[in-house]
Amino acid sequence: MKTVISCESCQLAAVKQHVGFFGEDEIWCTLSHVVVDRGDGCTFGERGEPGVAVRLLDVDLGGDAAVRGW
């Protein structure tokens, strides 16, 4: 029987850091591509430290924003 590895101590997990002043970090499962709770776990994981997730933000200023500051 395989042991259950918690998402908090899984090498396949990534921590999504919150943006702004308030909020909590989320744990993202890179295997199933979903946000998981700290108490969740599975038998497919590997023991280790979770990585850090990178969020790519797309910002479109448009022509007026660059010229007039709108």
Protein backbone atom coordinates (compact mmCIF):
# COMPACT_ATOMS: atom_id res chain seq x y z
CA MET A 1 0.00 0.00 0.00
CA LYS A 2 1.40 3.39 -0.98
CA THR A 3 1.65 6.12 1.61
CA VAL A 4 -0.32 9.33 1.27
CA ILE A 5 1.84 12.44 0.88
CA SER A 6 0.27 15.72 1.98
CA CYS A 7 0.20 18.50 -0.61
CA GLU A 8 2.05 20.73 1.84
CA SER A 9 5.12 18.49 1.70
CA CYS A 10 4.95 17.37 -1.94
CA GLN A 11 7.57 18.15 -4.56
CA LEU A 12 4.88 18.31 -7.27
CA ALA A 13 3.07 21.18 -5.54
CA ALA A 14 3.66 24.88 -6.13
CA VAL A 15 2.79 27.82 -3.88
CA LYS A 16 0.82 30.59 -5.61
CA GLN A 17 1.60 33.76 -3.69
CA HIS A 18 -1.20 36.26 -3.26
CA VAL A 19 -1.13 39.64 -4.96
CA GLY A 20 -1.74 42.77 -2.93
CA PHE A 21 -1.83 43.48 0.78
CA PHE A 22 -4.42 40.93 1.86
CA GLY A 23 -4.88 37.32 0.93
CA GLU A 24 -3.47 33.91 1.55
CA ASP A 25 -1.02 31.84 -0.41
CA GLU A 26 -2.58 28.91 -2.28
CA ILE A 27 -1.11 25.52 -3.03
CA TRP A 28 -1.35 24.49 -6.69
CA CYS A 29 -1.07 20.83 -7.68
CA THR A 30 1.02 20.63 -10.84
CA LEU A 31 -0.11 17.04 -11.39
CA SER A 32 -3.88 17.63 -11.43
CA HIS A 33 -3.78 21.40 -12.24
CA VAL A 34 -6.07 22.50 -9.40
CA VAL A 35 -5.83 24.52 -6.19
CA VAL A 36 -5.64 22.17 -3.18
CA ASP A 37 -5.97 22.58 0.58
CA ARG A 38 -2.99 22.17 2.90
CA GLY A 39 -4.54 19.06 4.41
CA ASP A 40 -5.12 17.32 1.06
CA GLY A 41 -2.85 14.56 -0.14
CA CYS A 42 -2.47 11.78 -2.67
CA THR A 43 -0.42 8.68 -3.42
CA PHE A 44 1.06 10.06 -6.67
CA GLY A 45 3.18 12.79 -5.10
CA GLU A 46 6.86 12.84 -4.23
CA ARG A 47 8.26 14.03 -0.92
CA GLY A 48 10.04 17.37 -1.01
CA GLU A 49 9.54 21.11 -0.79
CA PRO A 50 6.84 22.72 -2.94
CA GLY A 51 8.10 25.10 -5.60
CA VAL A 52 6.88 28.64 -6.25
CA ALA A 53 4.29 29.21 -8.96
CA VAL A 54 4.74 32.09 -11.39
CA ARG A 55 1.75 34.12 -12.52
CA LEU A 56 2.07 35.82 -15.87
CA LEU A 57 0.03 39.02 -15.90
CA ASP A 58 -1.11 40.50 -19.20
CA VAL A 59 -1.56 44.27 -19.16
CA ASP A 60 -2.75 46.26 -22.15
CA LEU A 61 -2.27 50.00 -21.74
CA GLY A 62 -3.53 50.99 -25.19
CA GLY A 63 -2.47 54.06 -27.15
CA ASP A 64 -4.21 56.65 -24.94
CA ALA A 65 -2.65 55.32 -21.74
CA ALA A 66 0.85 55.66 -23.11
CA VAL A 67 0.28 59.17 -24.50
CA ARG A 68 -2.12 60.82 -22.02
CA GLY A 69 -1.77 58.62 -18.92
CA TRP A 70 -5.34 57.34 -18.98
